[in-house]
Amino acid sequence: MIIKKTPAEIEKMAAAGAIHARTMQLLAGLVREGVTTRELDEAAETYIRSQGAIPTFKGYRGFPGSICASPNDMVVHGIPGPYRLELGDILSLDIGVTLDGWVSDGACTFAVGPVSPLAEKLLAATEAALFDAVAQARPGNRIGDISSAVQSRVEPEGLAVVRSLIGHGVGREMHEDPQVPNYGEPGRGPLLEPGLVIAIEPMVTTGRHEIITASDGWAIHSQDGSLAAHVEFTVAVTHDGPRILNPWHERADAAA
């Protein structure tokens, strides 16, 4: 069942999103050679809790981290730990913030120093696909318009959309209806109406779209070992069009 949010509830989600964005900006300043993913996790949890919020992921279905940290061929759900970042890595950071019962969910993939031309292409195309998809999140469109926007940006670049992982509704729960695939036909799927809040999250690889789950039961890798990127916003459909509730891309608003 799709649960539409009132304008007041969207404002509450935006408050969680503001903390989320500041946390991502804080981590952006820490991503560098030699830093461990555990150190990033600890910094995120400390900051989120200092803002009166809760790291949504911690304990979710037993997940041990406050963030997901997924390097290189890992698509999503990486458990933070001793992995030490190296020059040339790419690193996806996925963060959940819950404030007063409302969830913000979002991700960004970072380059660790100079990266290969292929990695640069992957990061640019994945982020462009996110903004193309957000632009479709307006009343009267359908979920398929969002899905098609991602696919139409990614595949002409010779990259692959991960098909078995999807975006989703967000609200008091991290995962709500509707499902938001990253591929599909425009004009199909649920109608977008004001009050709908969704996580739009392109997941893209430089190889094929198939994935595998690691032995820890959490980390998901590209099956062929190709590089993977993941970006995500929580977006509200409003009468005025799409509203990004956790604008981590507005990097000037760095965490204090």
C-alpha atoms as a PDB file:
ATOM      1  CA  MET A   1       0.000   0.000   0.000  1.00  0.00           C
ATOM      2  CA  ILE A   2       1.326   3.437  -0.962  1.00  0.00           C
ATOM      3  CA  ILE A   3       1.264   5.853   1.997  1.00  0.00           C
ATOM      4  CA  LYS A   4       1.136   9.473   0.880  1.00  0.00           C
ATOM      5  CA  LYS A   5       2.571  12.091   3.214  1.00  0.00           C
ATOM      6  CA  THR A   6       1.021  15.399   4.219  1.00  0.00           C
ATOM      7  CA  PRO A   7       2.978  18.633   3.688  1.00  0.00           C
ATOM      8  CA  ALA A   8       3.731  18.695   7.426  1.00  0.00           C
ATOM      9  CA  GLU A   9       5.047  15.142   7.313  1.00  0.00           C
ATOM     10  CA  ILE A  10       7.231  15.969   4.316  1.00  0.00           C
ATOM     11  CA  GLU A  11       8.734  18.815   6.346  1.00  0.00           C
ATOM     12  CA  LYS A  12       9.575  16.325   9.097  1.00  0.00           C
ATOM     13  CA  MET A  13      11.240  14.090   6.531  1.00  0.00           C
ATOM     14  CA  ALA A  14      13.160  17.103   5.225  1.00  0.00           C
ATOM     15  CA  ALA A  15      14.458  17.731   8.752  1.00  0.00           C
ATOM     16  CA  ALA A  16      15.829  14.176   8.826  1.00  0.00           C
ATOM     17  CA  GLY A  17      17.160  14.781   5.324  1.00  0.00           C
ATOM     18  CA  ALA A  18      19.064  17.879   6.409  1.00  0.00           C
ATOM     19  CA  ILE A  19      20.942  15.826   8.991  1.00  0.00           C
ATOM     20  CA  HIS A  20      21.496  13.146   6.366  1.00  0.00           C
ATOM     21  CA  ALA A  21      22.960  15.662   3.903  1.00  0.00           C
ATOM     22  CA  ARG A  22      25.295  17.123   6.518  1.00  0.00           C
ATOM     23  CA  THR A  23      26.453  13.633   7.466  1.00  0.00           C
ATOM     24  CA  MET A  24      27.254  12.804   3.850  1.00  0.00           C
ATOM     25  CA  GLN A  25      29.147  16.070   3.473  1.00  0.00           C
ATOM     26  CA  LEU A  26      31.097  15.282   6.640  1.00  0.00           C
ATOM     27  CA  LEU A  27      32.085  11.875   5.265  1.00  0.00           C
ATOM     28  CA  ALA A  28      32.988  13.389   1.902  1.00  0.00           C
ATOM     29  CA  GLY A  29      35.689  15.343   3.726  1.00  0.00           C
ATOM     30  CA  LEU A  30      37.027  12.175   5.341  1.00  0.00           C
ATOM     31  CA  VAL A  31      37.198   9.898   2.288  1.00  0.00           C
ATOM     32  CA  ARG A  32      40.892   9.628   1.463  1.00  0.00           C
ATOM     33  CA  GLU A  33      43.730   7.143   1.196  1.00  0.00           C
ATOM     34  CA  GLY A  34      44.399   5.261   4.430  1.00  0.00           C
ATOM     35  CA  VAL A  35      41.022   5.795   6.107  1.00  0.00           C
ATOM     36  CA  THR A  36      39.113   2.644   7.077  1.00  0.00           C
ATOM     37  CA  THR A  37      35.444   2.150   6.418  1.00  0.00           C
ATOM     38  CA  ARG A  38      34.991   1.562  10.159  1.00  0.00           C
ATOM     39  CA  GLU A  39      36.355   5.051  10.855  1.00  0.00           C
ATOM     40  CA  LEU A  40      33.809   6.502   8.432  1.00  0.00           C
ATOM     41  CA  ASP A  41      31.053   4.531  10.150  1.00  0.00           C
ATOM     42  CA  GLU A  42      32.070   5.797  13.577  1.00  0.00           C
ATOM     43  CA  ALA A  43      32.187   9.398  12.366  1.00  0.00           C
ATOM     44  CA  ALA A  44      28.729   9.090  10.828  1.00  0.00           C
ATOM     45  CA  GLU A  45      27.147   7.558  13.913  1.00  0.00           C
ATOM     46  CA  THR A  46      28.696  10.137  16.220  1.00  0.00           C
ATOM     47  CA  TYR A  47      27.429  13.012  14.094  1.00  0.00           C
ATOM     48  CA  ILE A  48      23.930  11.599  13.527  1.00  0.00           C
ATOM     49  CA  ARG A  49      23.422  11.009  17.242  1.00  0.00           C
ATOM     50  CA  SER A  50      24.808  14.470  18.069  1.00  0.00           C
ATOM     51  CA  GLN A  51      21.929  15.884  16.024  1.00  0.00           C
ATOM     52  CA  GLY A  52      19.306  14.041  18.054  1.00  0.00           C
ATOM     53  CA  ALA A  53      18.722  11.453  15.342  1.00  0.00           C
ATOM     54  CA  ILE A  54      19.320   7.721  14.980  1.00  0.00           C
ATOM     55  CA  PRO A  55      21.334   5.839  12.330  1.00  0.00           C
ATOM     56  CA  THR A  56      18.514   3.929  10.635  1.00  0.00           C
ATOM     57  CA  PHE A  57      20.637   1.061   9.386  1.00  0.00           C
ATOM     58  CA  LYS A  58      22.170   0.073  12.734  1.00  0.00           C
ATOM     59  CA  GLY A  59      20.472  -3.131  13.841  1.00  0.00           C
ATOM     60  CA  TYR A  60      18.138  -3.182  10.830  1.00  0.00           C
ATOM     61  CA  ARG A  61      17.537  -6.891  10.284  1.00  0.00           C
ATOM     62  CA  GLY A  62      20.760  -7.418  12.225  1.00  0.00           C
ATOM     63  CA  PHE A  63      22.974  -5.108  10.166  1.00  0.00           C
ATOM     64  CA  PRO A  64      25.940  -4.175  12.395  1.00  0.00           C
ATOM     65  CA  GLY A  65      26.921  -0.819  10.892  1.00  0.00           C
ATOM     66  CA  SER A  66      25.520   2.696  10.992  1.00  0.00           C
ATOM     67  CA  ILE A  67      26.246   3.161   7.284  1.00  0.00           C
ATOM     68  CA  CYS A  68      26.870   0.885   4.326  1.00  0.00           C
ATOM     69  CA  ALA A  69      30.366   1.271   2.855  1.00  0.00           C
ATOM     70  CA  SER A  70      30.843  -0.533  -0.452  1.00  0.00           C
ATOM     71  CA  PRO A  71      34.152  -0.236  -2.336  1.00  0.00           C
ATOM     72  CA  ASN A  72      34.896  -0.954  -6.003  1.00  0.00           C
ATOM     73  CA  ASP A  73      32.934  -4.004  -7.257  1.00  0.00           C
ATOM     74  CA  MET A  74      30.637  -3.982  -4.197  1.00  0.00           C
ATOM     75  CA  VAL A  75      27.290  -2.532  -5.214  1.00  0.00           C
ATOM     76  CA  VAL A  76      25.574  -2.076  -1.839  1.00  0.00           C
ATOM     77  CA  HIS A  77      25.289  -3.238   1.775  1.00  0.00           C
ATOM     78  CA  GLY A  78      28.978  -3.309   2.646  1.00  0.00           C
ATOM     79  CA  ILE A  79      29.596  -3.753   6.376  1.00  0.00           C
ATOM     80  CA  PRO A  80      32.072  -1.129   7.630  1.00  0.00           C
ATOM     81  CA  GLY A  81      35.257  -2.679   8.937  1.00  0.00           C
ATOM     82  CA  PRO A  82      39.040  -2.782   8.575  1.00  0.00           C
ATOM     83  CA  TYR A  83      39.129  -2.136   4.820  1.00  0.00           C
ATOM     84  CA  ARG A  84      41.569   0.740   4.284  1.00  0.00           C
ATOM     85  CA  LEU A  85      40.917   2.986   1.314  1.00  0.00           C
ATOM     86  CA  GLU A  86      43.510   3.056  -1.459  1.00  0.00           C
ATOM     87  CA  LEU A  87      44.165   5.594  -4.193  1.00  0.00           C
ATOM     88  CA  GLY A  88      42.071   4.726  -7.227  1.00  0.00           C
ATOM     89  CA  ASP A  89      39.243   3.144  -5.219  1.00  0.00           C
ATOM     90  CA  ILE A  90      35.652   4.188  -5.566  1.00  0.00           C
ATOM     91  CA  LEU A  91      33.476   3.968  -2.465  1.00  0.00           C
ATOM     92  CA  SER A  92      29.705   4.002  -2.160  1.00  0.00           C
ATOM     93  CA  LEU A  93      28.410   5.357   1.143  1.00  0.00           C
ATOM     94  CA  ASP A  94      24.752   4.708   1.932  1.00  0.00           C
ATOM     95  CA  ILE A  95      23.281   6.474   4.961  1.00  0.00           C
ATOM     96  CA  GLY A  96      19.957   6.238   6.760  1.00  0.00           C
ATOM     97  CA  VAL A  97      18.835   8.836   9.313  1.00  0.00           C
ATOM     98  CA  THR A  98      15.717   8.611  11.469  1.00  0.00           C
ATOM     99  CA  LEU A  99      14.500  11.763  13.204  1.00  0.00           C
ATOM    100  CA  ASP A 100      11.299  11.783  15.261  1.00  0.00           C
ATOM    101  CA  GLY A 101      10.245   8.561  13.538  1.00  0.00           C
ATOM    102  CA  TRP A 102      10.807   9.769   9.953  1.00  0.00           C
ATOM    103  CA  VAL A 103      13.447   8.279   7.670  1.00  0.00           C
ATOM    104  CA  SER A 104      15.881   9.805   5.183  1.00  0.00           C
ATOM    105  CA  ASP A 105      17.725   7.363   2.904  1.00  0.00           C
ATOM    106  CA  GLY A 106      20.471   8.307   0.461  1.00  0.00           C
ATOM    107  CA  ALA A 107      23.820   7.347  -1.039  1.00  0.00           C
ATOM    108  CA  CYS A 108      26.761   8.776  -2.949  1.00  0.00           C
ATOM    109  CA  THR A 109      29.802   7.146  -4.560  1.00  0.00           C
ATOM    110  CA  PHE A 110      33.146   8.882  -4.084  1.00  0.00           C
ATOM    111  CA  ALA A 111      36.483   8.688  -5.858  1.00  0.00           C
ATOM    112  CA  VAL A 112      39.509   8.115  -3.618  1.00  0.00           C
ATOM    113  CA  GLY A 113      42.040  10.377  -5.298  1.00  0.00           C
ATOM    114  CA  PRO A 114      42.526  10.057  -9.055  1.00  0.00           C
ATOM    115  CA  VAL A 115      40.610   7.138 -10.559  1.00  0.00           C
ATOM    116  CA  SER A 116      40.616   5.420 -13.926  1.00  0.00           C
ATOM    117  CA  PRO A 117      38.795   6.949 -16.914  1.00  0.00           C
ATOM    118  CA  LEU A 118      36.317   4.068 -16.727  1.00  0.00           C
ATOM    119  CA  ALA A 119      35.589   4.826 -13.071  1.00  0.00           C
ATOM    120  CA  GLU A 120      35.155   8.523 -13.888  1.00  0.00           C
ATOM    121  CA  LYS A 121      32.687   7.616 -16.621  1.00  0.00           C
ATOM    122  CA  LEU A 122      30.771   5.350 -14.235  1.00  0.00           C
ATOM    123  CA  LEU A 123      30.495   8.003 -11.527  1.00  0.00           C
ATOM    124  CA  ALA A 124      29.437  10.729 -13.953  1.00  0.00           C
ATOM    125  CA  ALA A 125      26.812   8.609 -15.704  1.00  0.00           C
ATOM    126  CA  THR A 126      25.349   7.251 -12.464  1.00  0.00           C
ATOM    127  CA  GLU A 127      24.963  10.691 -10.919  1.00  0.00           C
ATOM    128  CA  ALA A 128      23.513  12.094 -14.153  1.00  0.00           C
ATOM    129  CA  ALA A 129      21.018   9.219 -14.199  1.00  0.00           C
ATOM    130  CA  LEU A 130      19.931  10.136 -10.674  1.00  0.00           C
ATOM    131  CA  PHE A 131      19.177  13.723 -11.634  1.00  0.00           C
ATOM    132  CA  ASP A 132      17.427  12.629 -14.836  1.00  0.00           C
ATOM    133  CA  ALA A 133      15.239  10.335 -12.749  1.00  0.00           C
ATOM    134  CA  VAL A 134      14.488  12.985 -10.120  1.00  0.00           C
ATOM    135  CA  ALA A 135      13.291  15.319 -12.876  1.00  0.00           C
ATOM    136  CA  GLN A 136      10.572  12.780 -13.733  1.00  0.00           C
ATOM    137  CA  ALA A 137       9.200  12.671 -10.157  1.00  0.00           C
ATOM    138  CA  ARG A 138       6.322  15.046 -10.802  1.00  0.00           C
ATOM    139  CA  PRO A 139       2.537  14.705 -10.608  1.00  0.00           C
ATOM    140  CA  GLY A 140       0.962  12.945 -13.563  1.00  0.00           C
ATOM    141  CA  ASN A 141       4.019  10.890 -14.433  1.00  0.00           C
ATOM    142  CA  ARG A 142       4.413   7.243 -13.511  1.00  0.00           C
ATOM    143  CA  ILE A 143       7.112   5.183 -11.834  1.00  0.00           C
ATOM    144  CA  GLY A 144       8.106   3.888 -15.265  1.00  0.00           C
ATOM    145  CA  ASP A 145       9.115   7.404 -16.294  1.00  0.00           C
ATOM    146  CA  ILE A 146      11.650   7.437 -13.457  1.00  0.00           C
ATOM    147  CA  SER A 147      12.851   3.930 -14.286  1.00  0.00           C
ATOM    148  CA  SER A 148      13.213   4.685 -17.974  1.00  0.00           C
ATOM    149  CA  ALA A 149      15.165   7.872 -17.268  1.00  0.00           C
ATOM    150  CA  VAL A 150      17.866   5.898 -15.445  1.00  0.00           C
ATOM    151  CA  GLN A 151      18.102   3.208 -18.106  1.00  0.00           C
ATOM    152  CA  SER A 152      18.125   5.735 -20.949  1.00  0.00           C
ATOM    153  CA  ARG A 153      21.081   7.588 -19.442  1.00  0.00           C
ATOM    154  CA  VAL A 154      23.152   4.555 -18.402  1.00  0.00           C
ATOM    155  CA  GLU A 155      22.922   1.977 -21.162  1.00  0.00           C
ATOM    156  CA  PRO A 156      23.962   4.214 -24.103  1.00  0.00           C
ATOM    157  CA  GLU A 157      27.219   4.744 -22.169  1.00  0.00           C
ATOM    158  CA  GLY A 158      27.946   1.025 -22.367  1.00  0.00           C
ATOM    159  CA  LEU A 159      27.194   0.586 -18.666  1.00  0.00           C
ATOM    160  CA  ALA A 160      24.686  -1.759 -17.022  1.00  0.00           C
ATOM    161  CA  VAL A 161      21.772  -1.075 -14.694  1.00  0.00           C
ATOM    162  CA  VAL A 162      21.565  -3.508 -11.784  1.00  0.00           C
ATOM    163  CA  ARG A 163      18.105  -4.964 -12.298  1.00  0.00           C
ATOM    164  CA  SER A 164      17.491  -7.019  -9.180  1.00  0.00           C
ATOM    165  CA  LEU A 165      17.970  -4.101  -6.743  1.00  0.00           C
ATOM    166  CA  ILE A 166      15.478  -1.249  -6.687  1.00  0.00           C
ATOM    167  CA  GLY A 167      14.410   1.996  -5.098  1.00  0.00           C
ATOM    168  CA  HIS A 168      11.365   2.194  -2.861  1.00  0.00           C
ATOM    169  CA  GLY A 169       8.931   4.303  -0.931  1.00  0.00           C
ATOM    170  CA  VAL A 170      10.162   5.946   2.281  1.00  0.00           C
ATOM    171  CA  GLY A 171       8.380   7.293   5.335  1.00  0.00           C
ATOM    172  CA  ARG A 172       8.133   6.030   8.869  1.00  0.00           C
ATOM    173  CA  GLU A 173       9.584   2.809   7.473  1.00  0.00           C
ATOM    174  CA  MET A 174      12.764   2.677   5.428  1.00  0.00           C
ATOM    175  CA  HIS A 175      11.139   0.451   2.833  1.00  0.00           C
ATOM    176  CA  GLU A 176       7.582   1.170   1.746  1.00  0.00           C
ATOM    177  CA  ASP A 177       5.606   0.838  -1.457  1.00  0.00           C
ATOM    178  CA  PRO A 178       5.981   1.485  -4.317  1.00  0.00           C
ATOM    179  CA  GLN A 179       8.990  -0.293  -5.778  1.00  0.00           C
ATOM    180  CA  VAL A 180      11.120   1.932  -8.023  1.00  0.00           C
ATOM    181  CA  PRO A 181      13.145  -0.085 -10.572  1.00  0.00           C
ATOM    182  CA  ASN A 182      16.015   1.485 -12.502  1.00  0.00           C
ATOM    183  CA  TYR A 183      14.856   0.162 -15.855  1.00  0.00           C
ATOM    184  CA  GLY A 184      11.511  -0.042 -17.622  1.00  0.00           C
ATOM    185  CA  GLU A 185       9.122   1.645 -19.979  1.00  0.00           C
ATOM    186  CA  PRO A 186       7.836   5.200 -19.595  1.00  0.00           C
ATOM    187  CA  GLY A 187       4.152   5.604 -18.829  1.00  0.00           C
ATOM    188  CA  ARG A 188       3.936   2.357 -16.871  1.00  0.00           C
ATOM    189  CA  GLY A 189       3.514   1.627 -13.177  1.00  0.00           C
ATOM    190  CA  PRO A 190       1.930   3.534 -10.286  1.00  0.00           C
ATOM    191  CA  LEU A 191       0.824   7.117 -10.849  1.00  0.00           C
ATOM    192  CA  LEU A 192       2.937   9.816  -9.193  1.00  0.00           C
ATOM    193  CA  GLU A 193       0.783  12.035  -6.994  1.00  0.00           C
ATOM    194  CA  PRO A 194       1.604  14.813  -4.516  1.00  0.00           C
ATOM    195  CA  GLY A 195       2.558  13.310  -1.159  1.00  0.00           C
ATOM    196  CA  LEU A 196       4.413  10.330  -2.597  1.00  0.00           C
ATOM    197  CA  VAL A 197       7.946  10.054  -1.158  1.00  0.00           C
ATOM    198  CA  ILE A 198      10.408   7.656  -2.771  1.00  0.00           C
ATOM    199  CA  ALA A 199      14.057   6.689  -2.683  1.00  0.00           C
ATOM    200  CA  ILE A 200      15.432   6.953  -6.214  1.00  0.00           C
ATOM    201  CA  GLU A 201      18.696   5.041  -6.345  1.00  0.00           C
ATOM    202  CA  PRO A 202      20.479   4.102  -9.571  1.00  0.00           C
ATOM    203  CA  MET A 203      22.911   1.195  -9.141  1.00  0.00           C
ATOM    204  CA  VAL A 204      25.200   0.794 -12.132  1.00  0.00           C
ATOM    205  CA  THR A 205      28.176  -1.358 -13.148  1.00  0.00           C
ATOM    206  CA  THR A 206      30.837  -1.126 -15.814  1.00  0.00           C
ATOM    207  CA  GLY A 207      30.171  -4.743 -16.788  1.00  0.00           C
ATOM    208  CA  ARG A 208      27.042  -6.854 -16.635  1.00  0.00           C
ATOM    209  CA  HIS A 209      23.984  -6.353 -14.445  1.00  0.00           C
ATOM    210  CA  GLU A 210      24.094  -9.661 -12.538  1.00  0.00           C
ATOM    211  CA  ILE A 211      25.031  -9.601  -8.843  1.00  0.00           C
ATOM    212  CA  ILE A 212      26.113 -12.020  -6.116  1.00  0.00           C
ATOM    213  CA  THR A 213      25.859 -11.900  -2.319  1.00  0.00           C
ATOM    214  CA  ALA A 214      29.014 -12.301  -0.236  1.00  0.00           C
ATOM    215  CA  SER A 215      29.470 -14.929   2.449  1.00  0.00           C
ATOM    216  CA  ASP A 216      28.615 -12.400   5.185  1.00  0.00           C
ATOM    217  CA  GLY A 217      25.040 -12.395   3.868  1.00  0.00           C
ATOM    218  CA  TRP A 218      25.044  -8.627   3.339  1.00  0.00           C
ATOM    219  CA  ALA A 219      27.536  -7.297   0.810  1.00  0.00           C
ATOM    220  CA  ILE A 220      26.359  -7.485  -2.787  1.00  0.00           C
ATOM    221  CA  HIS A 221      28.979  -7.493  -5.553  1.00  0.00           C
ATOM    222  CA  SER A 222      28.838  -7.337  -9.311  1.00  0.00           C
ATOM    223  CA  GLN A 223      28.985 -10.943 -10.445  1.00  0.00           C
ATOM    224  CA  ASP A 224      31.722 -10.261 -12.983  1.00  0.00           C
ATOM    225  CA  GLY A 225      33.853  -8.166 -10.615  1.00  0.00           C
ATOM    226  CA  SER A 226      33.230  -4.938 -12.519  1.00  0.00           C
ATOM    227  CA  LEU A 227      33.185  -1.571 -10.798  1.00  0.00           C
ATOM    228  CA  ALA A 228      29.850  -0.475  -9.319  1.00  0.00           C
ATOM    229  CA  ALA A 229      28.361   2.859  -8.290  1.00  0.00           C
ATOM    230  CA  HIS A 230      25.282   3.722  -6.235  1.00  0.00           C
ATOM    231  CA  VAL A 231      23.669   7.132  -5.733  1.00  0.00           C
ATOM    232  CA  GLU A 232      20.376   7.914  -4.032  1.00  0.00           C
ATOM    233  CA  PHE A 233      18.070  10.710  -2.935  1.00  0.00           C
ATOM    234  CA  THR A 234      14.852  10.691  -0.941  1.00  0.00           C
ATOM    235  CA  VAL A 235      12.451  12.641  -3.149  1.00  0.00           C
ATOM    236  CA  ALA A 236       8.963  14.008  -2.478  1.00  0.00           C
ATOM    237  CA  VAL A 237       6.486  14.462  -5.307  1.00  0.00           C
ATOM    238  CA  THR A 238       4.837  17.850  -4.745  1.00  0.00           C
ATOM    239  CA  HIS A 239       2.406  20.077  -6.639  1.00  0.00           C
ATOM    240  CA  ASP A 240       5.450  22.135  -7.633  1.00  0.00           C
ATOM    241  CA  GLY A 241       7.424  19.118  -8.868  1.00  0.00           C
ATOM    242  CA  PRO A 242      10.149  16.983  -7.307  1.00  0.00           C
ATOM    243  CA  ARG A 243      11.701  18.027  -3.995  1.00  0.00           C
ATOM    244  CA  ILE A 244      14.974  16.413  -2.900  1.00  0.00           C
ATOM    245  CA  LEU A 245      14.689  15.983   0.864  1.00  0.00           C
ATOM    246  CA  ASN A 246      18.346  15.096   1.558  1.00  0.00           C
ATOM    247  CA  PRO A 247      20.368  17.269  -0.852  1.00  0.00           C
ATOM    248  CA  TRP A 248      23.848  15.913  -0.166  1.00  0.00           C
ATOM    249  CA  HIS A 249      24.984  17.356  -3.500  1.00  0.00           C
ATOM    250  CA  GLU A 250      24.769  20.883  -2.131  1.00  0.00           C
ATOM    251  CA  ARG A 251      28.301  20.522  -0.861  1.00  0.00           C
ATOM    252  CA  ALA A 252      28.670  24.127   0.275  1.00  0.00           C
ATOM    253  CA  ASP A 253      26.477  23.321   3.297  1.00  0.00           C
ATOM    254  CA  ALA A 254      29.188  21.308   5.013  1.00  0.00           C
ATOM    255  CA  ALA A 255      28.577  19.767   8.412  1.00  0.00           C
ATOM    256  CA  ALA A 256      29.586  21.996  11.271  1.00  0.00           C
END
